[in-house]
N, C-alpha and C. Protein backbone atom coordinates (compact mmCIF):
# COMPACT_ATOMS: atom_id res chain seq x y z
N MET A 1 37.49 143.16 127.50
CA MET A 1 38.76 143.26 127.94
C MET A 1 39.25 143.28 126.74
N PRO A 2 37.34 145.23 125.28
CA PRO A 2 37.44 145.41 124.14
C PRO A 2 38.45 145.85 124.10
N SER A 3 39.99 146.26 121.80
CA SER A 3 41.11 145.43 121.55
C SER A 3 41.19 144.55 122.70
N LEU A 4 42.41 142.41 123.94
CA LEU A 4 41.68 142.44 125.15
C LEU A 4 41.69 143.89 125.49
N ARG A 5 42.41 144.77 124.79
CA ARG A 5 42.52 146.12 125.31
C ARG A 5 41.15 146.75 125.43
N LEU A 6 40.32 146.61 124.46
CA LEU A 6 39.06 147.33 124.51
C LEU A 6 38.04 146.63 125.41
N PRO A 7 37.72 145.31 125.24
CA PRO A 7 36.79 144.71 126.17
C PRO A 7 37.34 144.55 127.56
N MET A 8 38.61 144.29 127.70
CA MET A 8 39.16 144.09 129.03
C MET A 8 39.02 145.36 129.86
N VAL A 9 39.04 146.50 129.21
CA VAL A 9 38.88 147.75 129.95
C VAL A 9 37.51 147.80 130.60
N ALA A 10 36.50 147.41 129.87
CA ALA A 10 35.14 147.50 130.41
C ALA A 10 34.85 146.38 131.39
N ALA A 11 35.21 145.16 131.02
CA ALA A 11 34.82 144.03 131.85
C ALA A 11 35.65 143.88 133.10
N ALA A 12 36.92 144.23 133.02
CA ALA A 12 37.80 144.02 134.17
C ALA A 12 38.05 145.28 134.97
N ALA A 13 37.49 146.41 134.52
CA ALA A 13 37.68 147.69 135.22
C ALA A 13 39.15 147.93 135.53
N LEU A 14 39.97 147.92 134.48
CA LEU A 14 41.41 148.02 134.67
C LEU A 14 41.81 149.36 135.26
N LEU A 15 42.84 149.33 136.10
CA LEU A 15 43.33 150.53 136.75
C LEU A 15 44.16 151.37 135.81
N VAL A 16 44.08 152.66 135.94
CA VAL A 16 44.88 153.57 135.14
C VAL A 16 46.18 153.85 135.88
N LEU A 17 47.23 153.13 135.50
CA LEU A 17 48.52 153.24 136.17
C LEU A 17 49.60 153.57 135.15
N ARG A 18 50.67 154.19 135.57
CA ARG A 18 51.80 154.45 134.70
C ARG A 18 52.78 153.29 134.79
N PRO A 19 53.23 152.74 133.64
CA PRO A 19 54.17 151.63 133.68
C PRO A 19 55.56 152.08 134.12
N SER A 20 56.28 151.20 134.72
CA SER A 20 57.66 151.48 135.09
C SER A 20 58.57 151.15 133.92
N PRO A 21 59.52 152.02 133.57
CA PRO A 21 60.41 151.72 132.45
C PRO A 21 61.17 150.42 132.64
N ALA A 22 61.36 149.99 133.89
CA ALA A 22 62.12 148.78 134.15
C ALA A 22 61.23 147.55 134.27
N GLN A 23 59.91 147.71 134.03
CA GLN A 23 58.99 146.59 134.19
C GLN A 23 59.40 145.43 133.29
N GLN A 24 59.51 144.24 133.84
CA GLN A 24 59.95 143.09 133.10
C GLN A 24 58.77 142.17 132.78
N SER A 25 58.82 141.56 131.61
CA SER A 25 57.76 140.63 131.23
C SER A 25 57.98 139.28 131.90
N PRO A 26 56.92 138.53 132.12
CA PRO A 26 57.04 137.20 132.75
C PRO A 26 57.44 136.16 131.70
N ASP A 27 57.36 134.91 132.06
CA ASP A 27 57.61 133.81 131.14
C ASP A 27 56.53 133.86 130.06
N LEU A 28 56.88 134.21 128.85
CA LEU A 28 55.90 134.41 127.79
C LEU A 28 55.31 133.10 127.27
N SER A 29 55.93 131.98 127.59
CA SER A 29 55.41 130.70 127.11
C SER A 29 54.05 130.38 127.72
N GLN A 30 53.72 131.01 128.86
CA GLN A 30 52.44 130.72 129.51
C GLN A 30 51.25 131.28 128.72
N TYR A 31 51.51 132.14 127.74
CA TYR A 31 50.43 132.67 126.91
C TYR A 31 50.18 131.82 125.67
N LEU A 32 51.02 130.83 125.42
CA LEU A 32 50.91 130.00 124.23
C LEU A 32 50.08 128.76 124.52
N PHE A 33 49.18 128.42 123.62
CA PHE A 33 48.39 127.20 123.75
C PHE A 33 49.25 126.00 123.33
N SER A 34 49.20 124.95 124.10
CA SER A 34 49.90 123.73 123.71
C SER A 34 49.13 122.97 122.64
N ASP A 35 47.83 123.21 122.55
CA ASP A 35 46.95 122.55 121.59
C ASP A 35 46.43 123.60 120.62
N ARG A 36 46.97 123.64 119.41
CA ARG A 36 46.56 124.65 118.43
C ARG A 36 45.09 124.49 118.04
N ALA A 37 44.62 123.26 117.95
CA ALA A 37 43.21 123.03 117.60
C ALA A 37 42.28 123.64 118.64
N ALA A 38 42.69 123.56 119.91
CA ALA A 38 41.89 124.14 120.99
C ALA A 38 41.87 125.66 120.88
N GLU A 39 43.00 126.27 120.52
CA GLU A 39 43.05 127.72 120.36
C GLU A 39 42.17 128.17 119.19
N ILE A 40 42.21 127.42 118.10
CA ILE A 40 41.38 127.74 116.94
C ILE A 40 39.90 127.64 117.30
N ALA A 41 39.54 126.58 118.02
CA ALA A 41 38.14 126.40 118.42
C ALA A 41 37.69 127.52 119.34
N LEU A 42 38.56 127.93 120.27
CA LEU A 42 38.21 129.01 121.18
C LEU A 42 38.05 130.32 120.41
N ALA A 43 38.92 130.58 119.46
CA ALA A 43 38.80 131.79 118.64
C ALA A 43 37.48 131.78 117.87
N ARG A 44 37.12 130.66 117.29
CA ARG A 44 35.87 130.56 116.52
C ARG A 44 34.64 130.78 117.40
N SER A 45 34.75 130.46 118.68
CA SER A 45 33.59 130.56 119.58
C SER A 45 33.19 132.00 119.86
N ALA A 46 33.97 132.97 119.37
CA ALA A 46 33.65 134.38 119.60
C ALA A 46 32.44 134.85 118.83
N ALA A 47 32.10 134.16 117.73
CA ALA A 47 31.03 134.62 116.85
C ALA A 47 30.14 133.45 116.45
N PRO A 48 28.96 133.74 115.94
CA PRO A 48 28.11 132.66 115.42
C PRO A 48 28.82 131.90 114.31
N LYS A 49 28.43 130.64 114.12
CA LYS A 49 29.10 129.78 113.16
C LYS A 49 29.04 130.32 111.74
N ASN A 50 27.95 131.03 111.40
CA ASN A 50 27.86 131.55 110.03
C ASN A 50 28.93 132.61 109.76
N VAL A 51 29.51 133.16 110.82
CA VAL A 51 30.62 134.11 110.69
C VAL A 51 31.95 133.39 110.87
N SER A 52 32.12 132.68 111.98
CA SER A 52 33.44 132.15 112.33
C SER A 52 33.88 130.96 111.49
N ASP A 53 32.92 130.20 110.93
CA ASP A 53 33.32 129.05 110.13
C ASP A 53 34.07 129.44 108.87
N SER A 54 33.85 130.66 108.38
CA SER A 54 34.52 131.11 107.15
C SER A 54 35.53 132.22 107.42
N ALA A 55 35.83 132.46 108.70
CA ALA A 55 36.74 133.55 109.06
C ALA A 55 38.20 133.10 109.04
N THR A 56 39.09 134.05 108.89
CA THR A 56 40.52 133.80 109.10
C THR A 56 40.75 133.63 110.59
N ILE A 57 41.57 132.66 110.97
CA ILE A 57 41.85 132.40 112.38
C ILE A 57 43.34 132.65 112.64
N LEU A 58 43.62 133.46 113.64
CA LEU A 58 44.99 133.73 114.05
C LEU A 58 45.29 133.01 115.36
N VAL A 59 46.51 132.53 115.51
CA VAL A 59 46.95 131.92 116.75
C VAL A 59 48.23 132.62 117.22
N LEU A 60 48.43 132.63 118.52
CA LEU A 60 49.61 133.29 119.08
C LEU A 60 50.81 132.35 119.03
N THR A 61 51.95 132.87 118.57
CA THR A 61 53.20 132.12 118.51
C THR A 61 54.28 132.90 119.25
N LYS A 62 55.48 132.36 119.26
CA LYS A 62 56.60 133.03 119.91
C LYS A 62 56.98 134.33 119.20
N MET A 63 56.49 134.53 117.98
CA MET A 63 56.80 135.72 117.20
C MET A 63 55.62 136.69 117.12
N GLY A 64 54.49 136.34 117.74
CA GLY A 64 53.29 137.13 117.61
C GLY A 64 52.19 136.29 116.99
N TYR A 65 51.15 136.93 116.50
CA TYR A 65 50.05 136.18 115.90
C TYR A 65 50.40 135.72 114.49
N SER A 66 49.94 134.51 114.17
CA SER A 66 50.19 133.92 112.86
C SER A 66 48.88 133.34 112.33
N GLU A 67 48.70 133.36 111.02
CA GLU A 67 47.49 132.83 110.41
C GLU A 67 47.51 131.30 110.44
N ALA A 68 46.50 130.72 111.10
CA ALA A 68 46.38 129.27 111.16
C ALA A 68 45.36 128.75 110.16
N VAL A 69 44.34 129.57 109.88
CA VAL A 69 43.30 129.21 108.92
C VAL A 69 43.02 130.42 108.04
N GLN A 70 43.05 130.24 106.74
CA GLN A 70 42.74 131.33 105.82
C GLN A 70 41.25 131.37 105.58
N GLY A 71 40.64 132.51 105.84
CA GLY A 71 39.21 132.65 105.70
C GLY A 71 38.79 133.16 104.33
N THR A 72 37.46 133.25 104.15
CA THR A 72 36.91 133.69 102.87
C THR A 72 35.91 134.83 103.00
N ASN A 73 35.54 135.20 104.24
CA ASN A 73 34.48 136.21 104.40
C ASN A 73 34.98 137.56 104.89
N GLY A 74 36.29 137.73 105.08
CA GLY A 74 36.84 139.01 105.51
C GLY A 74 36.91 139.20 107.00
N PHE A 75 36.29 138.31 107.78
CA PHE A 75 36.36 138.40 109.24
C PHE A 75 37.65 137.73 109.72
N THR A 76 38.13 138.16 110.88
CA THR A 76 39.29 137.53 111.51
C THR A 76 38.99 137.29 112.98
N CYS A 77 39.24 136.05 113.42
CA CYS A 77 39.00 135.67 114.82
C CYS A 77 40.32 135.29 115.48
N MET A 78 40.41 135.56 116.78
CA MET A 78 41.63 135.28 117.53
C MET A 78 41.28 135.25 119.01
N VAL A 79 42.23 134.84 119.82
CA VAL A 79 42.07 134.88 121.27
C VAL A 79 42.99 135.98 121.79
N GLN A 80 42.38 137.02 122.38
CA GLN A 80 43.17 138.10 122.97
C GLN A 80 43.68 137.68 124.35
N HIS A 81 44.79 138.30 124.75
CA HIS A 81 45.39 138.02 126.05
C HIS A 81 45.45 139.29 126.89
N SER A 82 45.82 139.13 128.13
CA SER A 82 45.79 140.24 129.08
C SER A 82 46.68 141.39 128.66
N PHE A 83 47.76 141.12 127.94
CA PHE A 83 48.69 142.19 127.57
C PHE A 83 48.11 143.10 126.49
N ASP A 84 46.88 142.85 126.06
CA ASP A 84 46.23 143.77 125.14
C ASP A 84 45.41 144.81 125.91
N ALA A 85 45.46 144.74 127.23
CA ALA A 85 44.76 145.72 128.06
C ALA A 85 45.61 146.98 128.19
N LYS A 86 45.13 147.93 128.95
CA LYS A 86 45.87 149.18 129.13
C LYS A 86 47.23 148.92 129.75
N ILE A 87 48.25 149.50 129.17
CA ILE A 87 49.61 149.34 129.70
C ILE A 87 49.67 149.92 131.11
N GLY A 88 50.21 149.12 132.03
CA GLY A 88 50.31 149.53 133.41
C GLY A 88 49.17 149.05 134.27
N SER A 89 48.17 148.40 133.68
CA SER A 89 47.03 147.93 134.47
C SER A 89 47.44 146.78 135.38
N ALA A 90 46.64 146.57 136.41
CA ALA A 90 46.96 145.55 137.41
C ALA A 90 46.96 144.14 136.82
N ASN A 91 46.18 143.92 135.77
CA ASN A 91 46.04 142.58 135.20
C ASN A 91 46.81 142.40 133.90
N PHE A 92 47.74 143.29 133.62
CA PHE A 92 48.40 143.31 132.31
C PHE A 92 49.08 141.98 131.98
N TRP A 93 49.64 141.29 132.97
CA TRP A 93 50.37 140.04 132.70
C TRP A 93 49.62 138.80 133.16
N ASP A 94 48.33 138.89 133.39
CA ASP A 94 47.56 137.76 133.93
C ASP A 94 47.22 136.76 132.82
N PRO A 95 47.86 135.59 132.79
CA PRO A 95 47.63 134.64 131.70
C PRO A 95 46.26 133.98 131.74
N ARG A 96 45.53 134.14 132.83
CA ARG A 96 44.20 133.54 132.92
C ARG A 96 43.17 134.26 132.06
N LEU A 97 43.44 135.52 131.72
CA LEU A 97 42.48 136.31 130.97
C LEU A 97 42.55 135.97 129.48
N LEU A 98 41.42 135.53 128.93
CA LEU A 98 41.34 135.13 127.53
C LEU A 98 40.09 135.73 126.92
N GLY A 99 40.24 136.43 125.81
CA GLY A 99 39.11 137.10 125.18
C GLY A 99 38.97 136.73 123.72
N PRO A 100 38.27 135.63 123.40
CA PRO A 100 38.01 135.32 121.99
C PRO A 100 37.23 136.45 121.33
N VAL A 101 37.64 136.85 120.13
CA VAL A 101 37.03 137.98 119.45
C VAL A 101 37.08 137.75 117.95
N CYS A 102 36.03 138.20 117.25
CA CYS A 102 36.00 138.14 115.79
C CYS A 102 35.73 139.54 115.25
N PHE A 103 36.64 140.04 114.43
CA PHE A 103 36.53 141.38 113.86
C PHE A 103 35.95 141.33 112.45
N ASN A 104 35.09 142.30 112.14
CA ASN A 104 34.58 142.39 110.77
C ASN A 104 35.61 143.07 109.88
N PRO A 105 35.42 143.09 108.55
CA PRO A 105 36.46 143.63 107.65
C PRO A 105 36.92 145.06 107.97
N PRO A 106 36.01 146.03 108.27
CA PRO A 106 36.52 147.36 108.62
C PRO A 106 37.39 147.36 109.88
N ALA A 107 37.06 146.51 110.86
CA ALA A 107 37.88 146.43 112.07
C ALA A 107 39.19 145.71 111.80
N VAL A 108 39.17 144.73 110.89
CA VAL A 108 40.41 144.05 110.51
C VAL A 108 41.40 145.06 109.91
N ARG A 109 40.87 145.99 109.12
CA ARG A 109 41.74 146.99 108.48
C ARG A 109 42.25 148.04 109.47
N SER A 110 41.46 148.40 110.46
CA SER A 110 41.79 149.58 111.26
C SER A 110 42.07 149.32 112.73
N ILE A 111 41.46 148.30 113.33
CA ILE A 111 41.65 148.00 114.75
C ILE A 111 42.71 146.92 114.96
N LEU A 112 42.67 145.91 114.12
CA LEU A 112 43.55 144.76 114.29
C LEU A 112 45.04 145.06 114.15
N PRO A 113 45.47 145.94 113.24
CA PRO A 113 46.92 146.14 113.07
C PRO A 113 47.67 146.51 114.35
N GLU A 114 47.10 147.39 115.16
CA GLU A 114 47.77 147.76 116.42
C GLU A 114 47.89 146.55 117.34
N MET A 115 46.82 145.74 117.40
CA MET A 115 46.85 144.57 118.27
C MET A 115 47.91 143.56 117.84
N LEU A 116 48.02 143.36 116.53
CA LEU A 116 49.01 142.41 116.04
C LEU A 116 50.43 142.90 116.30
N LYS A 117 50.64 144.19 116.12
CA LYS A 117 51.98 144.74 116.37
C LYS A 117 52.32 144.68 117.85
N ARG A 118 51.33 144.96 118.71
CA ARG A 118 51.61 144.88 120.15
C ARG A 118 52.01 143.46 120.54
N ALA A 119 51.28 142.46 120.02
CA ALA A 119 51.62 141.08 120.34
C ALA A 119 53.03 140.73 119.86
N GLU A 120 53.39 141.22 118.67
CA GLU A 120 54.74 141.00 118.16
C GLU A 120 55.78 141.62 119.09
N TRP A 121 55.52 142.83 119.56
CA TRP A 121 56.44 143.49 120.48
C TRP A 121 56.52 142.75 121.81
N ILE A 122 55.36 142.37 122.35
CA ILE A 122 55.34 141.65 123.63
C ILE A 122 56.15 140.36 123.54
N MET A 123 55.88 139.56 122.51
CA MET A 123 56.57 138.27 122.39
C MET A 123 58.05 138.47 122.06
N GLY A 124 58.40 139.65 121.56
CA GLY A 124 59.80 139.96 121.30
C GLY A 124 60.52 140.53 122.50
N GLY A 125 59.82 140.69 123.63
CA GLY A 125 60.44 141.16 124.85
C GLY A 125 60.53 142.66 125.00
N VAL A 126 59.80 143.42 124.18
CA VAL A 126 59.80 144.87 124.29
C VAL A 126 59.07 145.27 125.58
N SER A 127 59.61 146.21 126.31
CA SER A 127 59.00 146.62 127.57
C SER A 127 57.69 147.36 127.34
N PRO A 128 56.76 147.30 128.30
CA PRO A 128 55.49 148.04 128.16
C PRO A 128 55.70 149.53 127.93
N ALA A 129 56.67 150.13 128.62
CA ALA A 129 56.92 151.55 128.44
C ALA A 129 57.35 151.85 127.01
N GLU A 130 58.20 151.01 126.44
CA GLU A 130 58.64 151.20 125.07
C GLU A 130 57.49 150.98 124.09
N ILE A 131 56.62 150.01 124.40
CA ILE A 131 55.45 149.77 123.56
C ILE A 131 54.55 151.00 123.54
N ALA A 132 54.37 151.62 124.68
CA ALA A 132 53.56 152.84 124.75
C ALA A 132 54.15 153.93 123.86
N ASP A 133 55.47 154.10 123.89
CA ASP A 133 56.13 155.11 123.07
C ASP A 133 56.01 154.78 121.58
N ARG A 134 56.22 153.51 121.24
CA ARG A 134 56.13 153.11 119.83
C ARG A 134 54.71 153.28 119.30
N THR A 135 53.73 152.96 120.14
CA THR A 135 52.34 153.09 119.71
C THR A 135 51.99 154.55 119.45
N LYS A 136 52.42 155.42 120.34
CA LYS A 136 52.16 156.86 120.17
C LYS A 136 52.77 157.35 118.85
N LYS A 137 53.99 156.96 118.57
CA LYS A 137 54.66 157.39 117.35
C LYS A 137 53.96 156.81 116.11
N ALA A 138 53.46 155.57 116.23
CA ALA A 138 52.78 154.95 115.09
C ALA A 138 51.51 155.70 114.73
N TYR A 139 50.80 156.22 115.73
CA TYR A 139 49.61 157.02 115.44
C TYR A 139 50.00 158.40 114.89
N GLU A 140 51.08 158.94 115.39
CA GLU A 140 51.53 160.26 114.91
C GLU A 140 51.95 160.21 113.44
N THR A 141 52.48 159.06 113.00
CA THR A 141 52.93 158.90 111.62
C THR A 141 51.87 158.23 110.74
N ASN A 142 50.70 157.97 111.32
CA ASN A 142 49.57 157.34 110.61
C ASN A 142 49.86 155.89 110.21
N THR A 143 50.85 155.27 110.86
CA THR A 143 51.04 153.83 110.70
C THR A 143 49.84 153.10 111.28
N PHE A 144 49.38 153.56 112.43
CA PHE A 144 48.09 153.16 112.98
C PHE A 144 47.14 154.33 112.79
N HIS A 145 45.86 154.02 112.67
CA HIS A 145 44.89 155.11 112.55
C HIS A 145 43.59 154.70 113.24
N GLY A 146 42.70 155.64 113.34
CA GLY A 146 41.43 155.39 114.01
C GLY A 146 40.56 154.40 113.26
N PRO A 147 39.42 154.04 113.85
CA PRO A 147 38.56 153.00 113.26
C PRO A 147 37.93 153.41 111.94
N ASP A 148 37.88 152.47 111.01
CA ASP A 148 37.15 152.70 109.77
C ASP A 148 35.66 152.70 110.05
N VAL A 149 34.90 153.34 109.18
CA VAL A 149 33.44 153.35 109.31
C VAL A 149 32.90 151.92 109.27
N GLY A 150 32.06 151.60 110.22
CA GLY A 150 31.45 150.28 110.28
C GLY A 150 32.24 149.24 111.05
N ALA A 151 33.35 149.62 111.67
CA ALA A 151 34.18 148.65 112.40
C ALA A 151 33.43 148.11 113.61
N MET A 152 33.40 146.78 113.74
CA MET A 152 32.74 146.15 114.88
C MET A 152 33.38 144.79 115.13
N ALA A 153 33.02 144.18 116.26
CA ALA A 153 33.55 142.86 116.61
C ALA A 153 32.55 142.11 117.47
N PHE A 154 32.64 140.77 117.40
CA PHE A 154 31.85 139.88 118.24
C PHE A 154 32.69 139.41 119.41
N MET A 155 32.12 139.39 120.60
CA MET A 155 32.69 138.70 121.76
C MET A 155 31.56 137.92 122.43
N LEU A 156 31.27 136.76 121.87
CA LEU A 156 30.11 135.96 122.29
C LEU A 156 30.52 134.60 122.83
N SER A 157 31.80 134.40 123.13
CA SER A 157 32.25 133.08 123.56
C SER A 157 31.83 132.76 124.99
N PRO A 158 31.15 131.64 125.22
CA PRO A 158 30.83 131.25 126.59
C PRO A 158 32.06 130.84 127.39
N GLN A 159 33.20 130.67 126.71
CA GLN A 159 34.45 130.32 127.39
C GLN A 159 35.33 131.53 127.68
N GLN A 160 34.89 132.73 127.31
CA GLN A 160 35.73 133.89 127.56
C GLN A 160 35.96 134.08 129.06
N HIS A 161 37.15 134.57 129.41
CA HIS A 161 37.50 134.81 130.82
C HIS A 161 38.06 136.22 130.87
N LEU A 162 37.20 137.17 131.19
CA LEU A 162 37.55 138.58 131.07
C LEU A 162 37.95 139.23 132.38
N ASN A 163 37.74 138.57 133.48
CA ASN A 163 38.15 139.12 134.77
C ASN A 163 38.20 137.96 135.76
N ASN A 164 38.63 138.24 136.97
CA ASN A 164 38.79 137.18 137.96
C ASN A 164 37.85 137.34 139.16
N ASP A 165 36.71 138.01 138.93
CA ASP A 165 35.76 138.14 140.02
C ASP A 165 34.74 137.01 139.96
N SER A 166 33.57 137.19 140.55
CA SER A 166 32.57 136.13 140.62
C SER A 166 31.88 135.88 139.29
N ASN A 167 32.10 136.74 138.31
CA ASN A 167 31.47 136.57 137.00
C ASN A 167 32.53 136.70 135.90
N PRO A 168 33.47 135.75 135.81
CA PRO A 168 34.60 135.90 134.90
C PRO A 168 34.23 135.93 133.42
N HIS A 169 33.09 135.32 133.07
CA HIS A 169 32.69 135.30 131.67
C HIS A 169 32.00 136.60 131.26
N TRP A 170 31.64 137.40 132.25
CA TRP A 170 30.90 138.64 132.04
C TRP A 170 29.66 138.36 131.22
N MET A 171 29.53 138.89 130.01
CA MET A 171 28.34 138.68 129.20
C MET A 171 28.69 138.74 127.72
N PRO A 172 27.92 138.06 126.88
CA PRO A 172 28.18 138.18 125.44
C PRO A 172 27.86 139.60 124.99
N HIS A 173 28.67 140.13 124.08
CA HIS A 173 28.45 141.50 123.65
C HIS A 173 29.06 141.75 122.28
N LEU A 174 28.54 142.78 121.64
CA LEU A 174 29.09 143.29 120.39
C LEU A 174 29.84 144.57 120.70
N MET A 175 30.84 144.87 119.89
CA MET A 175 31.62 146.09 120.07
C MET A 175 31.58 146.89 118.77
N PHE A 176 31.27 148.16 118.91
CA PHE A 176 31.25 149.06 117.76
C PHE A 176 32.27 150.17 118.00
N TYR A 177 33.11 150.43 117.00
CA TYR A 177 34.23 151.35 117.15
C TYR A 177 33.95 152.67 116.42
N TYR A 178 34.22 153.77 117.12
CA TYR A 178 34.00 155.11 116.56
C TYR A 178 35.20 155.99 116.89
N SER A 179 35.24 157.14 116.26
CA SER A 179 36.24 158.14 116.60
C SER A 179 36.05 158.57 118.05
N MET A 180 37.17 158.88 118.72
CA MET A 180 37.08 159.36 120.09
C MET A 180 36.36 160.70 120.19
N SER A 181 36.18 161.36 119.06
CA SER A 181 35.45 162.63 119.08
C SER A 181 33.96 162.43 119.32
N MET A 182 33.49 161.20 119.15
CA MET A 182 32.08 160.92 119.43
C MET A 182 31.85 160.87 120.93
N SER A 183 30.98 161.72 121.42
CA SER A 183 30.69 161.76 122.85
C SER A 183 29.79 160.58 123.23
N PRO A 184 30.10 159.89 124.34
CA PRO A 184 29.23 158.81 124.80
C PRO A 184 27.80 159.29 125.05
N ALA A 185 27.67 160.55 125.42
CA ALA A 185 26.34 161.09 125.70
C ALA A 185 25.47 161.11 124.45
N LEU A 186 26.08 161.08 123.27
CA LEU A 186 25.34 161.11 122.02
C LEU A 186 24.38 159.93 121.92
N TRP A 187 24.79 158.78 122.48
CA TRP A 187 23.97 157.58 122.44
C TRP A 187 23.42 157.21 123.81
N GLY A 188 23.69 158.01 124.81
CA GLY A 188 23.25 157.64 126.15
C GLY A 188 24.05 156.50 126.73
N VAL A 189 25.33 156.43 126.32
CA VAL A 189 26.20 155.35 126.79
C VAL A 189 26.58 155.59 128.24
N GLY A 190 26.66 154.49 129.02
CA GLY A 190 26.99 154.62 130.43
C GLY A 190 27.94 153.57 130.93
N ASP A 191 27.84 153.25 132.22
CA ASP A 191 28.73 152.26 132.84
C ASP A 191 28.21 150.85 132.57
N PRO A 192 28.91 149.80 133.10
CA PRO A 192 28.52 148.42 132.79
C PRO A 192 27.12 148.01 133.24
N THR A 193 26.40 148.84 133.97
CA THR A 193 25.02 148.51 134.34
C THR A 193 24.02 149.02 133.30
N ASN A 194 24.50 149.79 132.32
CA ASN A 194 23.62 150.37 131.31
C ASN A 194 23.41 149.45 130.12
N THR A 195 22.42 149.76 129.30
CA THR A 195 22.16 148.99 128.08
C THR A 195 23.30 149.15 127.09
N LEU A 196 23.80 150.37 126.94
CA LEU A 196 24.97 150.65 126.10
C LEU A 196 26.12 151.05 127.01
N ILE A 197 27.29 150.46 126.80
CA ILE A 197 28.41 150.63 127.71
C ILE A 197 29.58 151.28 127.01
N ASP A 198 30.21 152.23 127.67
CA ASP A 198 31.41 152.87 127.14
C ASP A 198 32.61 151.97 127.43
N GLY A 199 33.06 151.24 126.43
CA GLY A 199 34.19 150.33 126.60
C GLY A 199 35.52 151.02 126.59
N SER A 200 35.53 152.33 126.39
CA SER A 200 36.79 153.07 126.38
C SER A 200 37.30 153.33 127.78
N GLY A 201 36.45 153.16 128.78
CA GLY A 201 36.85 153.32 130.16
C GLY A 201 37.42 154.70 130.44
N LEU A 202 38.41 154.73 131.32
CA LEU A 202 39.06 155.99 131.70
C LEU A 202 40.45 156.11 131.09
N ASP A 203 40.69 155.36 130.03
CA ASP A 203 42.01 155.33 129.42
C ASP A 203 42.21 156.55 128.53
N PRO A 204 43.08 157.49 128.89
CA PRO A 204 43.28 158.68 128.06
C PRO A 204 44.02 158.38 126.77
N ASP A 205 44.59 157.18 126.66
CA ASP A 205 45.36 156.83 125.47
C ASP A 205 44.54 156.07 124.43
N MET A 206 43.27 155.83 124.71
CA MET A 206 42.44 155.11 123.77
C MET A 206 42.32 155.88 122.47
N ARG A 207 42.36 155.18 121.35
CA ARG A 207 42.29 155.80 120.03
C ARG A 207 40.96 155.54 119.35
N ALA A 208 40.05 154.83 120.03
CA ALA A 208 38.73 154.57 119.47
C ALA A 208 37.70 154.59 120.59
N ARG A 209 36.56 155.16 120.29
CA ARG A 209 35.42 155.08 121.21
C ARG A 209 34.76 153.73 120.97
N VAL A 210 34.66 152.92 122.00
CA VAL A 210 34.11 151.58 121.87
C VAL A 210 32.78 151.51 122.60
N VAL A 211 31.73 151.23 121.84
CA VAL A 211 30.40 151.08 122.43
C VAL A 211 30.11 149.59 122.52
N LEU A 212 29.91 149.10 123.74
CA LEU A 212 29.59 147.69 123.98
C LEU A 212 28.08 147.52 124.06
N VAL A 213 27.58 146.54 123.34
CA VAL A 213 26.15 146.25 123.35
C VAL A 213 25.95 144.81 123.84
N PRO A 214 25.55 144.60 125.09
CA PRO A 214 25.29 143.25 125.59
C PRO A 214 24.14 142.60 124.82
N VAL A 215 24.24 141.30 124.58
CA VAL A 215 23.19 140.55 123.91
C VAL A 215 22.80 139.36 124.77
N ARG A 216 21.70 138.72 124.44
CA ARG A 216 21.14 137.71 125.34
C ARG A 216 21.68 136.30 125.16
N LYS A 217 22.36 136.03 124.02
CA LYS A 217 22.80 134.66 123.76
C LYS A 217 24.30 134.59 123.48
N TRP A 218 24.90 133.49 123.93
CA TRP A 218 26.27 133.18 123.57
C TRP A 218 26.31 132.68 122.13
N SER A 219 27.48 132.50 121.57
CA SER A 219 27.61 132.10 120.18
C SER A 219 27.03 130.72 119.91
N ASP A 220 26.95 129.87 120.93
CA ASP A 220 26.40 128.53 120.74
C ASP A 220 24.88 128.49 120.88
N GLY A 221 24.27 129.66 121.07
CA GLY A 221 22.82 129.74 121.15
C GLY A 221 22.24 129.65 122.55
N THR A 222 23.08 129.36 123.54
CA THR A 222 22.57 129.27 124.91
C THR A 222 22.33 130.67 125.47
N LEU A 223 21.37 130.76 126.38
CA LEU A 223 21.03 132.04 126.97
C LEU A 223 22.08 132.47 127.99
N ALA A 224 22.47 133.70 127.93
CA ALA A 224 23.42 134.24 128.89
C ALA A 224 22.75 134.59 130.20
N ILE A 225 21.51 134.98 130.12
CA ILE A 225 20.72 135.32 131.31
C ILE A 225 19.50 134.42 131.33
N LYS A 226 19.42 133.55 132.30
CA LYS A 226 18.31 132.61 132.39
C LYS A 226 17.02 133.34 132.77
N ALA A 227 15.93 132.89 132.19
CA ALA A 227 14.63 133.47 132.52
C ALA A 227 14.26 133.14 133.96
N SER A 228 13.64 134.08 134.64
CA SER A 228 13.23 133.87 136.02
C SER A 228 12.11 132.84 136.08
N SER A 229 12.14 131.99 137.11
CA SER A 229 11.11 130.98 137.29
C SER A 229 9.91 131.52 138.03
N ASN A 230 10.02 132.77 138.53
CA ASN A 230 8.92 133.35 139.28
C ASN A 230 7.88 133.97 138.34
């Protein structure tokens, strides 16, 4: 529920809907953690400790994301919210959806800026329709751009809540970002039942091809899929 925009698309199967220009945002305080230490810990849980312990940590504030911990390894970890999903989706304002994620340096440079600006706009009360227009213009003027070579992210938190069905945690996975010109067929990428998953979904506005790679362990080392006793 990749940007939550990118994983949330794959895990929550978000609907492709057009936003209403008059769509109003809900009480934005429900997206803020009352315990900053808990938000930092949840953000760190997105990646193994050898990555997240030295990463920059961002927390959501009334003004957007703010740096709570300055890192040393170039990675940045944060907790994504539902409003990072496709604009107009059914779950766009669902405060229950939380996606801890840690971006590597190429993704910090190329994927993260759009996410940070969207959060700033959301917390500032900008309508989803206006955000869609501003985002389009930002790409047209190269304020935002496609993924840098090597851009990837961890989503390995056992506490992630990516959808509201019977499997809200979905599965631990890595995300690799490519130009949208890369065909999913090049790698044999398929739907969420495949080994490699197209996290770009059916969103025509996606600016990066996201390949999701499920892995067997959460960031704390526990198995995501228990071995059969048979």
